[in-house]
């Protein structure tokens, strides 16, 4: 049994682009109480390079890794379309599981993951690190305190640059079966933030385009959202910003307040304005802005600290499988609207979307 004096041992499944961020945090002791214990990738060279860099065992078979190397938790960092299969298989080893965004590409897969972890008695964590950004946490506290009054409009914007060379790194990038487009991949964190702040969604209407790269899926999309509380929302997402990343932002407008968080990683407090000022409001702009080195921001470190706390102290998870499923349900509804050209209600299960590699609900 893990004690407070023992570092939790983490394994990584998948040694691609995002794994470098996870390995850096765990392998360089940047998260108190956590350390890297092993890595795995079906491409031997990827596994070897990451394993040797951090001095941990490396494998090409995750089952072999789980048997040979004692770990407390495993992070699934593989292609989005493969998350479900890997999580279900790993749950049988009885170790807690962290899975990168999006948790899956279909609701059926998400449900299978939730059930497998529940049956095995292990915690399932879905990585939504932007919820831990300092300005985002401040926005959430204001919302919970009722400072906005009636919510009116919520907007997220993702204006990032992903050129053809990015998609050409791996054959699965930009495919329906394993990745999805800008909505399912790059903007999934921002879709999650919008729903987390504004509440349950009633319906969506969306349009998309593949503007500047050769991929199966979209690189640009606009979405209008109707929330059940009567508020409206807008999602603007593109990887066709040129020549560099511009922003990843969120704004929340209510009858008694407005907040906008900008920067390229939802990291810079741009507007903090309320009809009824409170002590400390004057310091918010200076105290709640940070400049991360890349679009990943600083949230992964706080997220892993949260995982350590949940495992050690059995505290409540901020984003478990059920919570992670909410934004996937919204994304699936958005893709159905793109396919049908109609507004889609989220009160019914999506029936027509190519996300996950097939038209779901169709024979």
Protein backbone atom coordinates (compact mmCIF):
# COMPACT_ATOMS: atom_id res chain seq x y z
CA UNK A 1 0.00 0.00 0.00
CA UNK A 2 1.27 3.46 -0.94
CA UNK A 3 2.23 5.67 2.01
CA UNK A 4 2.65 9.42 2.17
CA UNK A 5 6.43 8.96 2.26
CA UNK A 6 6.56 6.92 -0.94
CA UNK A 7 6.58 8.48 -4.37
CA UNK A 8 3.86 7.21 -6.65
CA UNK A 9 5.40 5.37 -9.58
CA UNK A 10 4.00 6.28 -13.02
CA UNK A 11 4.37 4.46 -16.33
CA UNK A 12 3.76 6.04 -19.74
CA UNK A 13 2.09 4.22 -22.63
CA UNK A 14 2.89 6.08 -25.82
CA UNK A 15 6.15 7.99 -26.34
CA UNK A 16 5.06 10.58 -28.89
CA UNK A 17 4.85 14.37 -28.83
CA UNK A 18 2.81 14.87 -25.64
CA UNK A 19 4.73 12.13 -23.79
CA UNK A 20 7.77 14.39 -23.71
CA UNK A 21 5.83 16.81 -21.49
CA UNK A 22 4.66 14.06 -19.12
CA UNK A 23 8.12 12.48 -18.98
CA UNK A 24 9.78 15.79 -18.19
CA UNK A 25 7.49 16.41 -15.23
CA UNK A 26 7.73 12.91 -13.80
CA UNK A 27 11.31 12.14 -14.80
CA UNK A 28 12.77 15.39 -13.45
CA UNK A 29 10.96 15.28 -10.09
CA UNK A 30 8.87 18.37 -10.90
CA UNK A 31 5.80 16.85 -9.21
CA UNK A 32 6.23 16.20 -5.47
CA UNK A 33 5.32 12.64 -4.62
CA UNK A 34 5.54 11.34 -8.19
CA UNK A 35 8.24 9.80 -10.32
CA UNK A 36 8.65 8.10 -13.68
CA UNK A 37 9.07 4.33 -13.47
CA UNK A 38 8.77 3.01 -17.05
CA UNK A 39 7.78 3.91 -20.62
CA UNK A 40 6.29 1.95 -23.50
CA UNK A 41 5.73 2.42 -27.24
CA UNK A 42 5.18 -0.05 -30.06
CA UNK A 43 7.91 1.80 -31.98
CA UNK A 44 11.10 0.49 -30.32
CA UNK A 45 13.19 3.57 -31.07
CA UNK A 46 10.68 5.94 -29.46
CA UNK A 47 10.54 3.82 -26.31
CA UNK A 48 14.32 3.46 -26.15
CA UNK A 49 15.05 7.16 -26.58
CA UNK A 50 12.62 8.25 -23.86
CA UNK A 51 13.59 5.44 -21.50
CA UNK A 52 17.30 6.10 -21.81
CA UNK A 53 16.80 9.85 -21.45
CA UNK A 54 15.25 9.37 -18.02
CA UNK A 55 17.00 6.19 -16.98
CA UNK A 56 13.91 3.99 -16.71
CA UNK A 57 12.99 0.62 -18.23
CA UNK A 58 11.40 0.82 -21.68
CA UNK A 59 9.11 -1.65 -23.39
CA UNK A 60 7.26 -2.25 -26.65
CA UNK A 61 4.49 -4.28 -24.97
CA UNK A 62 2.43 -2.56 -22.27
CA UNK A 63 1.28 -5.82 -20.69
CA UNK A 64 4.90 -6.91 -20.28
CA UNK A 65 5.69 -3.53 -18.72
CA UNK A 66 2.84 -3.81 -16.23
CA UNK A 67 3.97 -7.29 -15.19
CA UNK A 68 7.68 -6.57 -14.91
CA UNK A 69 7.77 -3.03 -13.50
CA UNK A 70 5.87 -2.17 -10.29
CA UNK A 71 3.80 1.00 -10.82
CA UNK A 72 0.96 2.76 -9.05
CA UNK A 73 -0.53 4.45 -12.10
CA UNK A 74 -0.18 4.52 -15.87
CA UNK A 75 -0.68 7.43 -18.27
CA UNK A 76 -2.18 6.58 -21.65
CA UNK A 77 -0.69 8.98 -24.21
CA UNK A 78 -1.42 7.11 -27.42
CA UNK A 79 -3.55 8.15 -30.40
CA UNK A 80 -7.02 9.31 -29.33
CA UNK A 81 -8.76 6.55 -31.25
CA UNK A 82 -6.70 3.93 -29.39
CA UNK A 83 -7.32 5.29 -25.88
CA UNK A 84 -10.29 3.04 -25.18
CA UNK A 85 -8.59 -0.20 -26.12
CA UNK A 86 -5.52 0.63 -24.08
CA UNK A 87 -7.45 1.82 -21.01
CA UNK A 88 -9.71 -1.25 -20.99
CA UNK A 89 -6.70 -3.57 -21.28
CA UNK A 90 -4.70 -1.72 -18.61
CA UNK A 91 -7.56 -1.57 -16.10
CA UNK A 92 -7.23 -5.32 -15.58
CA UNK A 93 -3.87 -4.74 -13.89
CA UNK A 94 -5.57 -2.84 -11.06
CA UNK A 95 -3.59 0.38 -11.38
CA UNK A 96 -4.99 3.88 -11.62
CA UNK A 97 -5.16 5.33 -15.12
CA UNK A 98 -4.57 8.80 -16.53
CA UNK A 99 -5.66 9.37 -20.14
CA UNK A 100 -4.86 12.36 -22.31
CA UNK A 101 -7.53 14.40 -24.08
CA UNK A 102 -9.87 13.59 -25.62
CA UNK A 103 -10.59 10.50 -23.51
CA UNK A 104 -12.00 8.76 -26.61
CA UNK A 105 -13.54 9.54 -29.99
CA UNK A 106 -16.90 7.85 -29.43
CA UNK A 107 -19.30 7.76 -26.50
CA UNK A 108 -19.43 3.96 -26.68
CA UNK A 109 -15.66 3.86 -26.18
CA UNK A 110 -15.85 6.34 -23.30
CA UNK A 111 -18.53 4.24 -21.61
CA UNK A 112 -16.39 1.11 -22.01
CA UNK A 113 -13.45 2.88 -20.37
CA UNK A 114 -15.54 4.09 -17.45
CA UNK A 115 -17.01 0.62 -16.90
CA UNK A 116 -13.65 -1.14 -17.11
CA UNK A 117 -12.08 1.13 -14.50
CA UNK A 118 -15.12 0.91 -12.25
CA UNK A 119 -15.15 -2.89 -12.47
CA UNK A 120 -11.43 -2.99 -11.66
CA UNK A 121 -11.81 -0.59 -8.73
CA UNK A 122 -9.31 1.92 -10.13
CA UNK A 123 -9.57 5.66 -10.65
CA UNK A 124 -9.79 7.04 -14.19
CA UNK A 125 -8.37 10.54 -14.66
CA UNK A 126 -8.95 12.51 -17.87
CA UNK A 127 -6.29 15.16 -18.49
CA UNK A 128 -7.87 18.62 -18.60
CA UNK A 129 -4.88 20.60 -17.41
CA UNK A 130 -6.25 24.00 -18.40
CA UNK A 131 -8.74 23.78 -15.53
CA UNK A 132 -5.72 24.21 -13.27
CA UNK A 133 -4.40 27.35 -14.97
CA UNK A 134 -4.17 30.12 -12.36
CA UNK A 135 -6.49 32.61 -14.16
CA UNK A 136 -8.96 29.85 -15.05
CA UNK A 137 -9.20 28.80 -11.40
CA UNK A 138 -9.83 32.44 -10.46
CA UNK A 139 -12.60 32.69 -13.08
CA UNK A 140 -14.20 29.52 -11.77
CA UNK A 141 -14.19 30.82 -8.18
CA UNK A 142 -15.94 34.02 -9.30
CA UNK A 143 -18.53 31.97 -11.14
CA UNK A 144 -19.18 29.74 -8.13
CA UNK A 145 -19.53 32.86 -5.96
CA UNK A 146 -22.31 34.12 -8.24
CA UNK A 147 -20.47 37.26 -9.29
CA UNK A 148 -21.72 37.09 -12.90
CA UNK A 149 -25.42 36.94 -12.08
CA UNK A 150 -27.34 35.66 -15.09
CA UNK A 151 -24.95 34.21 -17.67
CA UNK A 152 -25.31 35.75 -21.14
CA UNK A 153 -22.51 34.66 -23.47
CA UNK A 154 -19.46 32.41 -23.34
CA UNK A 155 -16.80 32.33 -26.05
CA UNK A 156 -13.66 30.30 -26.62
CA UNK A 157 -11.13 30.93 -29.38
CA UNK A 158 -8.33 28.63 -30.49
CA UNK A 159 -6.18 30.25 -33.14
CA UNK A 160 -3.16 28.03 -33.47
CA UNK A 161 -0.71 27.16 -36.22
CA UNK A 162 -0.30 23.56 -37.35
CA UNK A 163 1.29 23.33 -40.77
CA UNK A 164 1.35 20.31 -43.05
CA UNK A 165 4.64 19.15 -41.52
CA UNK A 166 2.86 18.66 -38.17
CA UNK A 167 0.27 16.33 -39.68
CA UNK A 168 2.90 14.51 -41.73
CA UNK A 169 4.79 13.46 -38.57
CA UNK A 170 2.44 10.51 -38.09
CA UNK A 171 -0.08 8.87 -40.41
CA UNK A 172 -2.84 8.96 -37.80
CA UNK A 173 -2.86 12.75 -37.45
CA UNK A 174 -5.92 14.41 -38.93
CA UNK A 175 -7.74 11.10 -39.51
CA UNK A 176 -11.30 10.33 -38.48
CA UNK A 177 -10.39 6.93 -37.05
CA UNK A 178 -7.62 7.97 -34.66
CA UNK A 179 -7.51 11.74 -34.22
CA UNK A 180 -10.35 13.97 -35.38
CA UNK A 181 -9.77 17.57 -36.39
CA UNK A 182 -9.16 20.79 -34.52
CA UNK A 183 -12.39 20.38 -32.52
CA UNK A 184 -11.59 16.91 -31.17
CA UNK A 185 -7.88 17.51 -30.73
CA UNK A 186 -6.48 20.99 -30.20
CA UNK A 187 -9.71 22.69 -29.06
CA UNK A 188 -11.01 19.90 -26.84
CA UNK A 189 -9.60 21.59 -23.71
CA UNK A 190 -11.34 24.84 -24.59
CA UNK A 191 -14.65 23.11 -25.35
CA UNK A 192 -14.35 21.55 -21.89
CA UNK A 193 -13.70 24.93 -20.27
CA UNK A 194 -16.69 26.53 -21.98
CA UNK A 195 -19.08 23.82 -20.82
CA UNK A 196 -17.54 23.78 -17.33
CA UNK A 197 -18.15 27.49 -16.96
CA UNK A 198 -21.49 27.89 -18.75
CA UNK A 199 -23.29 24.68 -17.79
CA UNK A 200 -25.15 21.94 -19.65
CA UNK A 201 -25.70 22.34 -23.37
CA UNK A 202 -29.11 22.22 -25.04
CA UNK A 203 -28.05 22.31 -28.70
CA UNK A 204 -25.31 23.18 -31.18
CA UNK A 205 -24.99 24.34 -34.76
CA UNK A 206 -21.61 24.09 -36.48
CA UNK A 207 -19.73 24.55 -39.74
CA UNK A 208 -16.21 23.46 -40.64
CA UNK A 209 -13.62 23.63 -43.39
CA UNK A 210 -10.30 22.08 -44.28
CA UNK A 211 -8.60 25.27 -45.33
CA UNK A 212 -4.83 25.01 -45.51
CA UNK A 213 -3.70 21.40 -45.03
CA UNK A 214 -4.35 18.03 -46.60
CA UNK A 215 -6.08 15.93 -43.93
CA UNK A 216 -9.35 13.98 -43.65
CA UNK A 217 -10.76 16.18 -40.92
CA UNK A 218 -11.26 19.92 -40.36
CA UNK A 219 -8.61 22.50 -39.55
CA UNK A 220 -11.17 25.29 -39.02
CA UNK A 221 -14.61 25.39 -37.38
CA UNK A 222 -17.17 27.75 -35.90
CA UNK A 223 -19.88 26.60 -33.51
CA UNK A 224 -22.85 28.32 -31.90
CA UNK A 225 -24.09 26.85 -28.63
CA UNK A 226 -27.39 27.11 -26.72
CA UNK A 227 -27.07 26.36 -23.03
CA UNK A 228 -29.93 25.03 -20.92
CA UNK A 229 -29.77 28.11 -18.69
CA UNK A 230 -30.64 30.31 -21.69
CA UNK A 231 -27.14 31.63 -22.36
CA UNK A 232 -25.44 31.41 -25.74
CA UNK A 233 -21.92 30.38 -26.68
CA UNK A 234 -19.44 30.56 -29.53
CA UNK A 235 -16.55 28.24 -30.30
CA UNK A 236 -14.00 29.42 -32.86
CA UNK A 237 -11.25 26.92 -33.55
CA UNK A 238 -8.53 26.73 -36.16
CA UNK A 239 -5.07 25.35 -36.70
CA UNK A 240 -4.81 27.52 -39.83
CA UNK A 241 -3.45 30.63 -38.10
CA UNK A 242 -0.28 31.69 -39.90
CA UNK A 243 2.59 32.02 -39.39
CA UNK A 244 2.39 31.19 -35.64
CA UNK A 245 0.06 30.52 -32.70
CA UNK A 246 -2.09 33.53 -31.84
CA UNK A 247 -4.33 32.66 -28.90
CA UNK A 248 -6.22 30.18 -26.79
CA UNK A 249 -8.81 32.20 -24.89
CA UNK A 250 -12.11 32.21 -23.06
CA UNK A 251 -14.53 35.00 -22.17
CA UNK A 252 -17.55 34.81 -19.90
CA UNK A 253 -20.15 37.60 -19.90
CA UNK A 254 -22.96 37.94 -17.36
CA UNK A 255 -25.43 40.56 -16.18
CA UNK A 256 -23.08 41.74 -13.43
CA UNK A 257 -19.60 40.93 -14.72
CA UNK A 258 -17.22 40.13 -17.56
CA UNK A 259 -13.98 38.15 -17.56
CA UNK A 260 -11.66 37.42 -20.47
CA UNK A 261 -8.61 35.18 -20.27
CA UNK A 262 -6.30 35.40 -23.27
CA UNK A 263 -2.71 34.40 -24.11
CA UNK A 264 -1.93 31.41 -26.31
CA UNK A 265 -2.65 28.92 -23.53
CA UNK A 266 -5.61 30.45 -21.60
CA UNK A 267 -3.01 31.97 -19.30
CA UNK A 268 -3.32 35.76 -19.30
CA UNK A 269 -6.06 37.64 -17.46
CA UNK A 270 -7.16 40.34 -19.90
CA UNK A 271 -10.45 41.58 -18.41
CA UNK A 272 -11.73 41.33 -14.83
CA UNK A 273 -14.71 43.62 -14.41
CA UNK A 274 -17.70 43.37 -12.07
CA UNK A 275 -20.57 45.72 -11.22
CA UNK A 276 -19.91 45.22 -7.52
CA UNK A 277 -16.15 45.33 -6.90
CA UNK A 278 -14.68 43.24 -4.09
CA UNK A 279 -11.41 43.50 -2.14
CA UNK A 280 -8.57 42.11 -4.20
CA UNK A 281 -10.09 42.87 -7.61
CA UNK A 282 -7.46 45.52 -8.26
CA UNK A 283 -4.66 42.94 -7.99
CA UNK A 284 -6.20 40.30 -10.22
CA UNK A 285 -4.73 41.51 -13.52
CA UNK A 286 -1.19 41.38 -12.16
CA UNK A 287 -1.47 38.27 -10.01
CA UNK A 288 -3.33 35.97 -12.36
CA UNK A 289 -1.30 36.18 -15.55
CA UNK A 290 1.56 33.86 -16.46
CA UNK A 291 3.62 33.25 -19.57
CA UNK A 292 4.16 29.55 -20.25
CA UNK A 293 6.83 28.48 -22.75
CA UNK A 294 4.36 26.69 -25.06
CA UNK A 295 0.67 25.94 -25.66
CA UNK A 296 0.73 23.16 -23.03
CA UNK A 297 1.06 25.80 -20.30
CA UNK A 298 1.84 24.94 -16.70
CA UNK A 299 -1.33 22.96 -15.99
CA UNK A 300 0.09 19.46 -16.37
CA UNK A 301 2.22 19.90 -13.25
CA UNK A 302 -0.79 20.95 -11.18
CA UNK A 303 -2.81 18.15 -12.72
CA UNK A 304 -0.31 15.47 -11.66
CA UNK A 305 -0.19 16.99 -8.16
CA UNK A 306 -3.97 16.62 -8.12
CA UNK A 307 -3.67 12.96 -9.19
CA UNK A 308 -1.17 12.29 -6.40
CA UNK A 309 -3.51 13.86 -3.85
CA UNK A 310 -6.53 11.89 -5.10
CA UNK A 311 -4.68 8.57 -5.00
CA UNK A 312 -3.04 9.12 -1.62
CA UNK A 313 -5.94 10.74 0.20
CA UNK A 314 -8.91 9.46 -1.81
CA UNK A 315 -9.99 13.04 -2.47
CA UNK A 316 -12.56 13.96 -5.12
CA UNK A 317 -11.35 13.96 -8.72
CA UNK A 318 -11.90 17.15 -10.68
CA UNK A 319 -12.14 15.30 -14.01
CA UNK A 320 -13.01 11.61 -13.74
CA UNK A 321 -14.38 9.51 -16.58
CA UNK A 322 -17.93 10.80 -16.26
CA UNK A 323 -16.78 14.42 -16.19
CA UNK A 324 -14.44 13.85 -19.14
CA UNK A 325 -17.30 12.29 -21.08
CA UNK A 326 -19.31 15.54 -20.96
CA UNK A 327 -17.08 17.45 -23.38
CA UNK A 328 -16.85 14.39 -25.64
CA UNK A 329 -20.65 14.32 -25.84
CA UNK A 330 -20.60 17.98 -26.85
CA UNK A 331 -17.89 17.39 -29.46
CA UNK A 332 -19.83 14.43 -30.90
CA UNK A 333 -22.90 16.64 -31.18
CA UNK A 334 -20.87 19.32 -32.95
CA UNK A 335 -19.60 16.82 -35.51
CA UNK A 336 -23.13 15.57 -36.12
CA UNK A 337 -24.23 19.15 -36.81
CA UNK A 338 -21.38 19.51 -39.31
CA UNK A 339 -22.48 16.29 -41.04
CA UNK A 340 -26.18 17.13 -41.17
CA UNK A 341 -26.07 20.90 -41.57
CA UNK A 342 -28.66 21.22 -38.80
CA UNK A 343 -28.82 22.22 -35.16
CA UNK A 344 -28.32 19.14 -33.01
CA UNK A 345 -29.89 18.59 -29.59
CA UNK A 346 -27.64 17.13 -26.93
CA UNK A 347 -30.65 15.49 -25.30
CA UNK A 348 -30.29 12.67 -27.84
CA UNK A 349 -27.27 10.49 -28.59
CA UNK A 350 -25.41 11.56 -31.77
CA UNK A 351 -26.35 9.34 -34.71
CA UNK A 352 -24.24 10.66 -37.57
CA UNK A 353 -20.57 11.49 -37.09
CA UNK A 354 -17.40 10.25 -38.73
CA UNK A 355 -15.39 10.78 -35.56
CA UNK A 356 -13.98 7.42 -34.52
CA UNK A 357 -13.80 6.13 -38.10
CA UNK A 358 -17.38 5.36 -39.03
CA UNK A 359 -20.84 6.88 -39.31
CA UNK A 360 -22.23 5.99 -35.87
CA UNK A 361 -25.80 4.82 -35.65
CA UNK A 362 -25.93 3.97 -39.36
CA UNK A 363 -26.02 0.49 -40.84
